[in-house]
Amino acid sequence: MEENIFIMNHPMIQHKLTLLRDKNTGSKEFRELISEIAMLMCYDATRDLPLKEVEVETPLAISKSNVIYGRKLAFIPILRAGIGMVDGVLKLVPAAKVGHIGLYRDPNTLEPVEYYSKLPCDIEERDVIILDPMLATGGSAKGAVTIVKKSKPKSIKFMCIIAAPEGIKALHEEHPDIKIYCAVKDKCLNEHGYIIPGLGDAGDRIFGTK
């Protein structure tokens, strides 16, 4: 299902990604970069939104122009690191609604366990983009997609900044219909489930915790 992976190699995204990876980048700048990259990625992830032609009066004449038509968006960040992407995407689509999904990995089964879920009440009328900076093992992504699918939205996309081959494979095996948008596909996971070379723990770097 490689055709369902969209890697955004725009120079601005790649430049900011390099700064994001740097271990010397502090939390304030890291948060700003996460938000900026999310906004730039959202621009491409919403490329398929339909348009409708309308008439608008300029100071000089009547013009026929396009507006987005018939589609409502919802952004669903996976707690906690996904929160860092929300401000950026809302700058691009301020009318979108936001839900939240919280998952943790059961230490015995290694399967994702839901501890929080709050989705927009009209989610069945919306196209959903699930947000998480990292797609590592794929456990949280699979769990989040499963939760959102139960509410029957119009469509679901998954948007991350860095993806590991293992996470892409895991998500596509369980949900082959989901399109994945990422800025880069990294080499692999280490024995602790961190993406290599990656950027470390995105949540810790966003919130300044360890």
N, C-alpha and C. Protein backbone atom coordinates (compact mmCIF):
# COMPACT_ATOMS: atom_id res chain seq x y z
N MET A 1 0.83 -1.22 0.00
CA MET A 1 0.00 0.00 0.00
C MET A 1 0.86 1.26 0.00
N GLU A 2 2.02 1.20 -0.64
CA GLU A 2 2.90 2.36 -0.67
C GLU A 2 2.22 3.57 -1.31
N GLU A 3 1.21 3.31 -2.17
CA GLU A 3 0.54 4.43 -2.82
C GLU A 3 -0.26 5.27 -1.84
N ASN A 4 -0.50 4.76 -0.63
CA ASN A 4 -1.23 5.50 0.38
C ASN A 4 -0.31 6.30 1.31
N ILE A 5 0.97 6.41 0.96
CA ILE A 5 1.92 7.20 1.74
C ILE A 5 2.31 8.43 0.93
N PHE A 6 2.16 9.59 1.53
CA PHE A 6 2.50 10.85 0.86
C PHE A 6 3.60 11.54 1.67
N ILE A 7 4.80 11.58 1.11
CA ILE A 7 5.94 12.20 1.80
C ILE A 7 6.11 13.62 1.26
N MET A 8 6.02 14.58 2.16
CA MET A 8 6.04 15.99 1.77
C MET A 8 7.47 16.53 1.85
N ASN A 9 8.12 16.58 0.71
CA ASN A 9 9.53 16.97 0.68
C ASN A 9 9.75 18.41 0.29
N HIS A 10 8.75 19.27 0.57
CA HIS A 10 8.91 20.70 0.28
C HIS A 10 10.12 21.25 1.03
N PRO A 11 10.93 22.11 0.39
CA PRO A 11 12.14 22.64 1.06
C PRO A 11 11.88 23.29 2.40
N MET A 12 10.76 24.02 2.56
CA MET A 12 10.48 24.68 3.84
C MET A 12 10.23 23.65 4.94
N ILE A 13 9.51 22.57 4.60
CA ILE A 13 9.25 21.52 5.58
C ILE A 13 10.55 20.82 5.95
N GLN A 14 11.37 20.50 4.96
CA GLN A 14 12.61 19.78 5.22
C GLN A 14 13.59 20.62 6.03
N HIS A 15 13.64 21.92 5.77
CA HIS A 15 14.50 22.82 6.54
C HIS A 15 14.09 22.84 8.02
N LYS A 16 12.79 23.00 8.24
CA LYS A 16 12.30 23.06 9.62
C LYS A 16 12.44 21.71 10.32
N LEU A 17 12.33 20.63 9.57
CA LEU A 17 12.50 19.30 10.13
C LEU A 17 13.93 19.12 10.66
N THR A 18 14.90 19.65 9.93
CA THR A 18 16.29 19.56 10.38
C THR A 18 16.48 20.27 11.71
N LEU A 19 15.90 21.45 11.85
CA LEU A 19 15.98 22.18 13.12
C LEU A 19 15.26 21.42 14.23
N LEU A 20 14.16 20.76 13.88
CA LEU A 20 13.37 20.00 14.85
C LEU A 20 14.17 18.82 15.39
N ARG A 21 14.94 18.18 14.55
CA ARG A 21 15.72 17.02 14.97
C ARG A 21 16.85 17.40 15.94
N ASP A 22 17.40 18.58 15.79
CA ASP A 22 18.59 19.00 16.53
C ASP A 22 18.35 18.89 18.04
N LYS A 23 19.21 18.16 18.72
CA LYS A 23 19.05 17.96 20.17
C LYS A 23 19.22 19.26 20.94
N ASN A 24 19.83 20.27 20.34
CA ASN A 24 20.03 21.55 21.02
C ASN A 24 18.87 22.51 20.86
N THR A 25 17.86 22.13 20.10
CA THR A 25 16.66 22.96 19.95
C THR A 25 15.84 22.90 21.23
N GLY A 26 15.61 24.04 21.86
CA GLY A 26 14.87 24.11 23.12
C GLY A 26 13.37 23.93 22.93
N SER A 27 12.65 23.78 24.04
CA SER A 27 11.21 23.49 23.99
C SER A 27 10.40 24.57 23.29
N LYS A 28 10.73 25.84 23.53
CA LYS A 28 9.97 26.92 22.90
C LYS A 28 10.09 26.86 21.38
N GLU A 29 11.32 26.75 20.89
CA GLU A 29 11.51 26.68 19.45
C GLU A 29 10.95 25.38 18.89
N PHE A 30 11.08 24.30 19.64
CA PHE A 30 10.56 23.00 19.21
C PHE A 30 9.04 23.08 19.00
N ARG A 31 8.34 23.69 19.96
CA ARG A 31 6.88 23.84 19.83
C ARG A 31 6.53 24.67 18.61
N GLU A 32 7.27 25.74 18.38
CA GLU A 32 7.00 26.60 17.23
C GLU A 32 7.22 25.85 15.92
N LEU A 33 8.28 25.05 15.88
CA LEU A 33 8.59 24.28 14.66
C LEU A 33 7.53 23.21 14.39
N ILE A 34 7.10 22.52 15.45
CA ILE A 34 6.05 21.52 15.29
C ILE A 34 4.80 22.16 14.69
N SER A 35 4.42 23.32 15.22
CA SER A 35 3.23 24.03 14.75
C SER A 35 3.40 24.47 13.29
N GLU A 36 4.56 25.02 12.96
CA GLU A 36 4.81 25.50 11.60
C GLU A 36 4.81 24.35 10.60
N ILE A 37 5.46 23.25 10.95
CA ILE A 37 5.50 22.10 10.05
C ILE A 37 4.10 21.53 9.85
N ALA A 38 3.32 21.46 10.93
CA ALA A 38 1.95 20.95 10.82
C ALA A 38 1.12 21.81 9.88
N MET A 39 1.27 23.13 9.96
CA MET A 39 0.52 24.02 9.08
C MET A 39 0.92 23.80 7.62
N LEU A 40 2.22 23.69 7.35
CA LEU A 40 2.69 23.47 5.99
C LEU A 40 2.23 22.11 5.45
N MET A 41 2.24 21.10 6.30
CA MET A 41 1.80 19.77 5.87
C MET A 41 0.29 19.75 5.61
N CYS A 42 -0.45 20.46 6.43
CA CYS A 42 -1.90 20.50 6.27
C CYS A 42 -2.29 21.11 4.93
N TYR A 43 -1.49 22.05 4.46
CA TYR A 43 -1.72 22.67 3.16
C TYR A 43 -1.80 21.61 2.06
N ASP A 44 -0.89 20.64 2.12
CA ASP A 44 -0.88 19.59 1.11
C ASP A 44 -1.89 18.49 1.40
N ALA A 45 -2.11 18.20 2.67
CA ALA A 45 -3.05 17.14 3.05
C ALA A 45 -4.50 17.50 2.72
N THR A 46 -4.78 18.78 2.53
CA THR A 46 -6.14 19.23 2.20
C THR A 46 -6.26 19.60 0.72
N ARG A 47 -5.31 19.15 -0.09
CA ARG A 47 -5.30 19.49 -1.51
C ARG A 47 -6.53 18.98 -2.25
N ASP A 48 -7.16 17.93 -1.74
CA ASP A 48 -8.30 17.33 -2.45
C ASP A 48 -9.65 17.90 -2.03
N LEU A 49 -9.66 18.97 -1.26
CA LEU A 49 -10.94 19.59 -0.87
C LEU A 49 -11.66 20.13 -2.12
N PRO A 50 -12.96 19.88 -2.24
CA PRO A 50 -13.69 20.34 -3.43
C PRO A 50 -13.96 21.85 -3.39
N LEU A 51 -14.09 22.42 -4.56
CA LEU A 51 -14.34 23.85 -4.69
C LEU A 51 -15.66 24.11 -5.39
N LYS A 52 -16.22 25.29 -5.10
CA LYS A 52 -17.43 25.75 -5.76
C LYS A 52 -17.20 27.18 -6.25
N GLU A 53 -17.62 27.43 -7.47
CA GLU A 53 -17.44 28.77 -8.04
C GLU A 53 -18.55 29.70 -7.55
N VAL A 54 -18.13 30.88 -7.07
CA VAL A 54 -19.08 31.90 -6.62
C VAL A 54 -18.69 33.24 -7.24
N GLU A 55 -19.61 34.16 -7.15
CA GLU A 55 -19.33 35.52 -7.62
C GLU A 55 -19.02 36.41 -6.43
N VAL A 56 -17.99 37.23 -6.57
CA VAL A 56 -17.63 38.17 -5.52
C VAL A 56 -17.37 39.53 -6.18
N GLU A 57 -17.79 40.56 -5.49
CA GLU A 57 -17.62 41.91 -6.04
C GLU A 57 -16.33 42.52 -5.52
N THR A 58 -15.39 42.78 -6.40
CA THR A 58 -14.16 43.48 -6.04
C THR A 58 -14.43 44.98 -6.10
N PRO A 59 -13.49 45.82 -5.69
CA PRO A 59 -13.71 47.27 -5.82
C PRO A 59 -13.90 47.73 -7.26
N LEU A 60 -13.57 46.85 -8.23
CA LEU A 60 -13.62 47.27 -9.63
C LEU A 60 -14.62 46.51 -10.48
N ALA A 61 -14.93 45.27 -10.12
CA ALA A 61 -15.78 44.46 -11.00
C ALA A 61 -16.30 43.24 -10.25
N ILE A 62 -17.17 42.48 -10.94
CA ILE A 62 -17.64 41.20 -10.43
C ILE A 62 -16.65 40.13 -10.89
N SER A 63 -16.25 39.28 -9.93
CA SER A 63 -15.29 38.22 -10.25
C SER A 63 -15.87 36.86 -9.90
N LYS A 64 -15.56 35.88 -10.74
CA LYS A 64 -15.90 34.50 -10.42
C LYS A 64 -14.70 33.87 -9.74
N SER A 65 -14.91 33.38 -8.50
CA SER A 65 -13.82 32.81 -7.71
C SER A 65 -14.29 31.53 -7.03
N ASN A 66 -13.35 30.81 -6.46
CA ASN A 66 -13.66 29.52 -5.83
C ASN A 66 -13.64 29.60 -4.32
N VAL A 67 -14.52 28.83 -3.70
CA VAL A 67 -14.52 28.65 -2.25
C VAL A 67 -14.61 27.15 -1.97
N ILE A 68 -14.10 26.73 -0.80
CA ILE A 68 -14.24 25.33 -0.39
C ILE A 68 -15.71 25.03 -0.18
N TYR A 69 -16.16 23.89 -0.70
CA TYR A 69 -17.59 23.61 -0.71
C TYR A 69 -17.91 22.21 -0.20
N GLY A 70 -18.86 22.14 0.71
CA GLY A 70 -19.45 20.87 1.09
C GLY A 70 -18.60 19.96 1.93
N ARG A 71 -17.52 20.44 2.51
CA ARG A 71 -16.66 19.58 3.34
C ARG A 71 -16.37 20.28 4.65
N LYS A 72 -16.51 19.55 5.73
CA LYS A 72 -16.16 20.04 7.06
C LYS A 72 -15.02 19.18 7.59
N LEU A 73 -14.08 19.81 8.27
CA LEU A 73 -12.92 19.10 8.78
C LEU A 73 -12.94 18.98 10.30
N ALA A 74 -12.31 17.92 10.78
CA ALA A 74 -12.06 17.76 12.22
C ALA A 74 -10.63 17.27 12.38
N PHE A 75 -9.92 17.87 13.32
CA PHE A 75 -8.57 17.42 13.66
C PHE A 75 -8.63 16.68 14.98
N ILE A 76 -8.02 15.49 15.02
CA ILE A 76 -8.03 14.67 16.22
C ILE A 76 -6.59 14.37 16.62
N PRO A 77 -6.00 15.16 17.54
CA PRO A 77 -4.65 14.84 18.01
C PRO A 77 -4.66 13.67 18.98
N ILE A 78 -3.62 12.83 18.89
CA ILE A 78 -3.41 11.76 19.86
C ILE A 78 -2.61 12.34 21.01
N LEU A 79 -3.15 12.25 22.22
CA LEU A 79 -2.48 12.81 23.39
C LEU A 79 -1.22 12.02 23.70
N ARG A 80 -0.11 12.68 24.10
CA ARG A 80 -0.15 14.11 24.35
C ARG A 80 0.55 14.89 23.25
N ALA A 81 1.49 14.25 22.54
CA ALA A 81 2.32 14.98 21.58
C ALA A 81 1.52 15.57 20.43
N GLY A 82 0.40 14.93 20.06
CA GLY A 82 -0.40 15.45 18.96
C GLY A 82 -0.93 16.85 19.18
N ILE A 83 -1.05 17.23 20.46
CA ILE A 83 -1.52 18.58 20.78
C ILE A 83 -0.62 19.64 20.17
N GLY A 84 0.67 19.33 20.05
CA GLY A 84 1.62 20.30 19.51
C GLY A 84 1.35 20.68 18.06
N MET A 85 0.58 19.87 17.34
CA MET A 85 0.30 20.14 15.93
C MET A 85 -0.99 20.92 15.73
N VAL A 86 -1.80 21.05 16.77
CA VAL A 86 -3.15 21.61 16.61
C VAL A 86 -3.14 23.08 16.21
N ASP A 87 -2.37 23.90 16.89
CA ASP A 87 -2.37 25.34 16.58
C ASP A 87 -2.01 25.58 15.12
N GLY A 88 -1.05 24.84 14.60
CA GLY A 88 -0.63 25.02 13.22
C GLY A 88 -1.73 24.71 12.22
N VAL A 89 -2.42 23.58 12.40
CA VAL A 89 -3.46 23.22 11.44
C VAL A 89 -4.67 24.15 11.56
N LEU A 90 -4.94 24.63 12.77
CA LEU A 90 -6.08 25.55 12.94
C LEU A 90 -5.80 26.92 12.33
N LYS A 91 -4.54 27.30 12.22
CA LYS A 91 -4.23 28.55 11.53
C LYS A 91 -4.63 28.46 10.06
N LEU A 92 -4.53 27.27 9.51
CA LEU A 92 -4.89 27.07 8.11
C LEU A 92 -6.38 26.84 7.94
N VAL A 93 -7.00 26.11 8.90
CA VAL A 93 -8.43 25.79 8.81
C VAL A 93 -9.09 26.16 10.14
N PRO A 94 -9.30 27.46 10.39
CA PRO A 94 -9.81 27.89 11.69
C PRO A 94 -11.22 27.42 12.00
N ALA A 95 -12.00 27.04 10.99
CA ALA A 95 -13.38 26.60 11.22
C ALA A 95 -13.46 25.13 11.60
N ALA A 96 -12.36 24.41 11.55
CA ALA A 96 -12.38 22.98 11.87
C ALA A 96 -12.67 22.76 13.35
N LYS A 97 -13.24 21.61 13.67
CA LYS A 97 -13.44 21.22 15.06
C LYS A 97 -12.29 20.32 15.51
N VAL A 98 -12.11 20.24 16.83
CA VAL A 98 -10.99 19.48 17.38
C VAL A 98 -11.51 18.49 18.40
N GLY A 99 -11.09 17.23 18.27
CA GLY A 99 -11.36 16.22 19.28
C GLY A 99 -10.04 15.77 19.88
N HIS A 100 -10.08 14.84 20.83
CA HIS A 100 -8.86 14.34 21.45
C HIS A 100 -9.00 12.85 21.73
N ILE A 101 -7.91 12.12 21.53
CA ILE A 101 -7.87 10.71 21.87
C ILE A 101 -6.64 10.44 22.71
N GLY A 102 -6.83 9.78 23.86
CA GLY A 102 -5.73 9.42 24.73
C GLY A 102 -5.55 7.91 24.77
N LEU A 103 -4.32 7.46 24.53
CA LEU A 103 -4.01 6.03 24.52
C LEU A 103 -2.73 5.77 25.29
N TYR A 104 -2.65 4.60 25.94
CA TYR A 104 -1.37 4.16 26.49
C TYR A 104 -1.17 2.70 26.11
N ARG A 105 0.08 2.23 26.14
CA ARG A 105 0.37 0.86 25.74
C ARG A 105 0.38 -0.05 26.96
N ASP A 106 -0.48 -1.08 26.92
CA ASP A 106 -0.51 -2.07 28.00
C ASP A 106 0.84 -2.77 28.08
N PRO A 107 1.50 -2.76 29.25
CA PRO A 107 2.84 -3.33 29.35
C PRO A 107 2.89 -4.84 29.15
N ASN A 108 1.76 -5.51 29.32
CA ASN A 108 1.72 -6.97 29.17
C ASN A 108 1.38 -7.39 27.73
N THR A 109 0.30 -6.79 27.19
CA THR A 109 -0.13 -7.17 25.84
C THR A 109 0.52 -6.31 24.76
N LEU A 110 1.07 -5.15 25.17
CA LEU A 110 1.66 -4.16 24.26
C LEU A 110 0.64 -3.55 23.30
N GLU A 111 -0.64 -3.78 23.58
CA GLU A 111 -1.71 -3.22 22.75
C GLU A 111 -2.15 -1.87 23.30
N PRO A 112 -2.62 -0.95 22.41
CA PRO A 112 -3.06 0.37 22.89
C PRO A 112 -4.36 0.27 23.69
N VAL A 113 -4.41 1.00 24.79
CA VAL A 113 -5.60 1.04 25.64
C VAL A 113 -6.11 2.47 25.70
N GLU A 114 -7.38 2.64 25.42
CA GLU A 114 -7.98 3.98 25.41
C GLU A 114 -8.25 4.44 26.83
N TYR A 115 -7.79 5.65 27.18
CA TYR A 115 -8.12 6.23 28.47
C TYR A 115 -8.90 7.52 28.35
N TYR A 116 -8.98 8.07 27.13
CA TYR A 116 -9.76 9.29 26.93
C TYR A 116 -10.15 9.39 25.46
N SER A 117 -11.37 9.79 25.22
CA SER A 117 -11.83 10.02 23.85
C SER A 117 -12.97 11.04 23.87
N LYS A 118 -12.74 12.13 23.19
CA LYS A 118 -13.78 13.17 23.07
C LYS A 118 -13.76 13.67 21.63
N LEU A 119 -14.78 13.30 20.87
CA LEU A 119 -14.83 13.64 19.45
C LEU A 119 -15.96 14.63 19.20
N PRO A 120 -15.87 15.43 18.12
CA PRO A 120 -16.95 16.37 17.79
C PRO A 120 -18.28 15.63 17.65
N CYS A 121 -19.36 16.26 18.10
CA CYS A 121 -20.66 15.60 18.10
C CYS A 121 -21.17 15.33 16.69
N ASP A 122 -20.71 16.11 15.72
CA ASP A 122 -21.15 15.93 14.33
C ASP A 122 -20.05 15.29 13.48
N ILE A 123 -19.24 14.44 14.07
CA ILE A 123 -18.08 13.88 13.37
C ILE A 123 -18.49 13.10 12.12
N GLU A 124 -19.69 12.54 12.12
CA GLU A 124 -20.12 11.77 10.95
C GLU A 124 -20.28 12.67 9.71
N GLU A 125 -20.32 13.98 9.91
CA GLU A 125 -20.43 14.92 8.80
C GLU A 125 -19.08 15.47 8.36
N ARG A 126 -18.00 14.99 9.00
CA ARG A 126 -16.70 15.62 8.80
C ARG A 126 -15.64 14.66 8.24
N ASP A 127 -14.68 15.25 7.56
CA ASP A 127 -13.47 14.55 7.16
C ASP A 127 -12.45 14.74 8.28
N VAL A 128 -11.88 13.65 8.74
CA VAL A 128 -11.02 13.68 9.92
C VAL A 128 -9.54 13.54 9.53
N ILE A 129 -8.70 14.35 10.17
CA ILE A 129 -7.26 14.18 10.08
C ILE A 129 -6.74 13.92 11.48
N ILE A 130 -6.20 12.72 11.71
CA ILE A 130 -5.62 12.36 13.00
C ILE A 130 -4.18 12.86 13.04
N LEU A 131 -3.79 13.45 14.16
CA LEU A 131 -2.49 14.10 14.28
C LEU A 131 -1.61 13.43 15.34
N ASP A 132 -0.37 13.15 14.99
CA ASP A 132 0.63 12.67 15.93
C ASP A 132 2.00 12.92 15.30
N PRO A 133 2.92 13.60 15.98
CA PRO A 133 4.21 13.90 15.34
C PRO A 133 4.97 12.67 14.88
N MET A 134 4.83 11.55 15.61
CA MET A 134 5.63 10.36 15.31
C MET A 134 4.74 9.15 15.04
N LEU A 135 5.06 8.43 13.97
CA LEU A 135 4.44 7.13 13.71
C LEU A 135 5.55 6.11 13.90
N ALA A 136 5.63 5.54 15.10
CA ALA A 136 6.75 4.65 15.45
C ALA A 136 6.33 3.19 15.30
N THR A 137 5.82 2.58 16.38
CA THR A 137 5.37 1.18 16.27
C THR A 137 4.03 1.07 15.55
N GLY A 138 3.28 2.16 15.54
CA GLY A 138 1.97 2.15 14.91
C GLY A 138 0.83 1.80 15.84
N GLY A 139 1.15 1.45 17.10
CA GLY A 139 0.11 1.05 18.03
C GLY A 139 -0.92 2.13 18.30
N SER A 140 -0.45 3.33 18.63
CA SER A 140 -1.37 4.43 18.92
C SER A 140 -2.15 4.84 17.68
N ALA A 141 -1.49 4.85 16.53
CA ALA A 141 -2.17 5.21 15.29
C ALA A 141 -3.28 4.23 14.97
N LYS A 142 -2.99 2.94 15.09
CA LYS A 142 -4.02 1.92 14.83
C LYS A 142 -5.19 2.09 15.79
N GLY A 143 -4.88 2.30 17.07
CA GLY A 143 -5.93 2.46 18.06
C GLY A 143 -6.80 3.67 17.80
N ALA A 144 -6.16 4.79 17.44
CA ALA A 144 -6.90 6.02 17.19
C ALA A 144 -7.80 5.88 15.97
N VAL A 145 -7.29 5.28 14.92
CA VAL A 145 -8.11 5.09 13.71
C VAL A 145 -9.31 4.19 14.03
N THR A 146 -9.09 3.13 14.80
CA THR A 146 -10.19 2.23 15.17
C THR A 146 -11.27 2.98 15.94
N ILE A 147 -10.85 3.84 16.87
CA ILE A 147 -11.81 4.62 17.66
C ILE A 147 -12.60 5.57 16.76
N VAL A 148 -11.91 6.28 15.89
CA VAL A 148 -12.58 7.26 15.02
C VAL A 148 -13.52 6.56 14.04
N LYS A 149 -13.11 5.42 13.52
CA LYS A 149 -13.96 4.71 12.55
C LYS A 149 -15.31 4.34 13.14
N LYS A 150 -15.36 4.08 14.45
CA LYS A 150 -16.63 3.71 15.10
C LYS A 150 -17.66 4.83 14.98
N SER A 151 -17.20 6.07 14.83
CA SER A 151 -18.11 7.21 14.73
C SER A 151 -18.51 7.51 13.29
N LYS A 152 -17.96 6.75 12.35
CA LYS A 152 -18.34 6.82 10.93
C LYS A 152 -18.20 8.22 10.31
N PRO A 153 -16.99 8.81 10.38
CA PRO A 153 -16.78 10.08 9.68
C PRO A 153 -16.76 9.85 8.17
N LYS A 154 -16.79 10.93 7.41
CA LYS A 154 -16.79 10.81 5.95
C LYS A 154 -15.49 10.21 5.44
N SER A 155 -14.37 10.59 6.05
CA SER A 155 -13.07 10.04 5.66
C SER A 155 -12.09 10.23 6.81
N ILE A 156 -10.97 9.50 6.76
CA ILE A 156 -9.92 9.62 7.77
C ILE A 156 -8.56 9.65 7.08
N LYS A 157 -7.72 10.59 7.49
CA LYS A 157 -6.32 10.63 7.10
C LYS A 157 -5.47 10.65 8.37
N PHE A 158 -4.23 10.19 8.24
CA PHE A 158 -3.31 10.22 9.37
C PHE A 158 -2.12 11.10 8.98
N MET A 159 -1.84 12.12 9.80
CA MET A 159 -0.76 13.04 9.49
C MET A 159 0.28 13.04 10.61
N CYS A 160 1.52 12.71 10.27
CA CYS A 160 2.62 12.72 11.23
C CYS A 160 3.80 13.46 10.59
N ILE A 161 4.80 13.74 11.39
CA ILE A 161 5.98 14.42 10.86
C ILE A 161 7.05 13.41 10.47
N ILE A 162 7.34 12.46 11.37
CA ILE A 162 8.32 11.41 11.09
C ILE A 162 7.65 10.05 11.22
N ALA A 163 7.89 9.18 10.25
CA ALA A 163 7.32 7.84 10.27
C ALA A 163 8.43 6.80 10.15
N ALA A 164 8.26 5.69 10.86
CA ALA A 164 9.17 4.55 10.74
C ALA A 164 8.52 3.51 9.83
N PRO A 165 9.32 2.75 9.09
CA PRO A 165 8.74 1.71 8.23
C PRO A 165 7.85 0.73 8.99
N GLU A 166 8.25 0.42 10.24
CA GLU A 166 7.46 -0.52 11.05
C GLU A 166 6.06 0.04 11.34
N GLY A 167 5.99 1.34 11.63
CA GLY A 167 4.70 1.96 11.92
C GLY A 167 3.82 2.05 10.70
N ILE A 168 4.42 2.39 9.56
CA ILE A 168 3.67 2.45 8.31
C ILE A 168 3.08 1.09 7.99
N LYS A 169 3.89 0.05 8.11
CA LYS A 169 3.46 -1.32 7.82
C LYS A 169 2.32 -1.74 8.76
N ALA A 170 2.49 -1.45 10.06
CA ALA A 170 1.48 -1.85 11.04
C ALA A 170 0.15 -1.15 10.79
N LEU A 171 0.19 0.15 10.50
CA LEU A 171 -1.04 0.90 10.26
C LEU A 171 -1.73 0.42 8.99
N HIS A 172 -0.97 0.18 7.94
CA HIS A 172 -1.56 -0.25 6.68
C HIS A 172 -2.08 -1.68 6.74
N GLU A 173 -1.45 -2.52 7.55
CA GLU A 173 -1.96 -3.89 7.67
C GLU A 173 -3.32 -3.92 8.34
N GLU A 174 -3.53 -3.06 9.33
CA GLU A 174 -4.81 -3.05 10.04
C GLU A 174 -5.83 -2.14 9.37
N HIS A 175 -5.36 -1.04 8.76
CA HIS A 175 -6.26 -0.08 8.12
C HIS A 175 -5.71 0.30 6.75
N PRO A 176 -5.81 -0.58 5.77
CA PRO A 176 -5.22 -0.32 4.45
C PRO A 176 -5.83 0.85 3.69
N ASP A 177 -6.99 1.32 4.14
CA ASP A 177 -7.66 2.43 3.47
C ASP A 177 -7.16 3.80 3.90
N ILE A 178 -6.35 3.86 4.95
CA ILE A 178 -5.94 5.15 5.52
C ILE A 178 -4.74 5.73 4.77
N LYS A 179 -4.85 6.97 4.35
CA LYS A 179 -3.75 7.67 3.72
C LYS A 179 -2.86 8.28 4.80
N ILE A 180 -1.56 8.08 4.67
CA ILE A 180 -0.59 8.59 5.63
C ILE A 180 0.18 9.75 4.99
N TYR A 181 0.19 10.87 5.69
CA TYR A 181 0.96 12.04 5.25
C TYR A 181 2.10 12.26 6.24
N CYS A 182 3.33 12.30 5.74
CA CYS A 182 4.47 12.52 6.63
C CYS A 182 5.52 13.38 5.93
N ALA A 183 6.43 13.94 6.72
CA ALA A 183 7.50 14.75 6.16
C ALA A 183 8.71 13.92 5.78
N VAL A 184 8.87 12.77 6.45
CA VAL A 184 10.01 11.91 6.15
C VAL A 184 9.74 10.50 6.66
N LYS A 185 10.27 9.51 5.95
CA LYS A 185 10.25 8.13 6.44
C LYS A 185 11.66 7.80 6.90
N ASP A 186 11.82 7.58 8.20
CA ASP A 186 13.15 7.33 8.76
C ASP A 186 13.55 5.86 8.61
N LYS A 187 14.72 5.54 9.16
CA LYS A 187 15.36 4.24 8.91
C LYS A 187 14.65 3.08 9.59
N CYS A 188 14.45 3.17 10.91
CA CYS A 188 13.94 2.01 11.65
C CYS A 188 13.61 2.41 13.09
N LEU A 189 13.20 1.44 13.89
CA LEU A 189 13.01 1.62 15.33
C LEU A 189 14.18 0.97 16.07
N ASN A 190 14.52 1.52 17.25
CA ASN A 190 15.52 0.84 18.07
C ASN A 190 14.81 -0.14 19.00
N GLU A 191 15.57 -0.78 19.89
CA GLU A 191 15.00 -1.82 20.75
C GLU A 191 13.98 -1.28 21.75
N HIS A 192 13.96 0.04 21.94
CA HIS A 192 13.00 0.66 22.85
C HIS A 192 11.79 1.25 22.13
N GLY A 193 11.72 1.06 20.82
CA GLY A 193 10.58 1.56 20.06
C GLY A 193 10.68 3.00 19.64
N TYR A 194 11.88 3.60 19.73
CA TYR A 194 12.09 4.97 19.27
C TYR A 194 12.55 4.97 17.83
N ILE A 195 12.10 5.98 17.07
CA ILE A 195 12.49 6.09 15.67
C ILE A 195 13.94 6.55 15.57
N ILE A 196 14.70 5.89 14.68
CA ILE A 196 16.09 6.24 14.41
C ILE A 196 16.21 6.76 12.98
N PRO A 197 16.80 7.95 12.73
CA PRO A 197 17.39 8.85 13.72
C PRO A 197 16.37 9.66 14.53
N GLY A 198 15.17 9.87 13.98
CA GLY A 198 14.09 10.50 14.73
C GLY A 198 14.42 11.85 15.32
N LEU A 199 13.84 12.11 16.50
CA LEU A 199 14.08 13.37 17.21
C LEU A 199 13.95 13.20 18.71
N GLY A 200 13.94 11.96 19.17
CA GLY A 200 13.74 11.70 20.59
C GLY A 200 12.26 11.56 20.91
N ASP A 201 11.89 11.84 22.14
CA ASP A 201 10.49 11.77 22.58
C ASP A 201 9.81 13.11 22.29
N ALA A 202 8.90 13.11 21.32
CA ALA A 202 8.27 14.37 20.90
C ALA A 202 7.51 15.04 22.04
N GLY A 203 6.79 14.24 22.85
CA GLY A 203 6.04 14.81 23.96
C GLY A 203 6.94 15.49 24.97
N ASP A 204 8.02 14.84 25.33
CA ASP A 204 8.95 15.43 26.29
C ASP A 204 9.54 16.72 25.73
N ARG A 205 9.87 16.74 24.46
CA ARG A 205 10.50 17.93 23.89
C ARG A 205 9.50 19.07 23.70
N ILE A 206 8.24 18.75 23.46
CA ILE A 206 7.22 19.78 23.35
C ILE A 206 6.95 20.44 24.69
N PHE A 207 6.83 19.61 25.74
CA PHE A 207 6.39 20.11 27.03
C PHE A 207 7.55 20.29 28.03
N GLY A 208 8.76 19.98 27.60
CA GLY A 208 9.92 20.19 28.48
C GLY A 208 9.97 19.24 29.64
N THR A 209 9.47 18.01 29.44
CA THR A 209 9.47 17.00 30.51
C THR A 209 10.39 15.85 30.14
N LYS A 210 10.67 14.99 31.12
CA LYS A 210 11.47 13.79 30.86
C LYS A 210 10.90 12.63 31.65
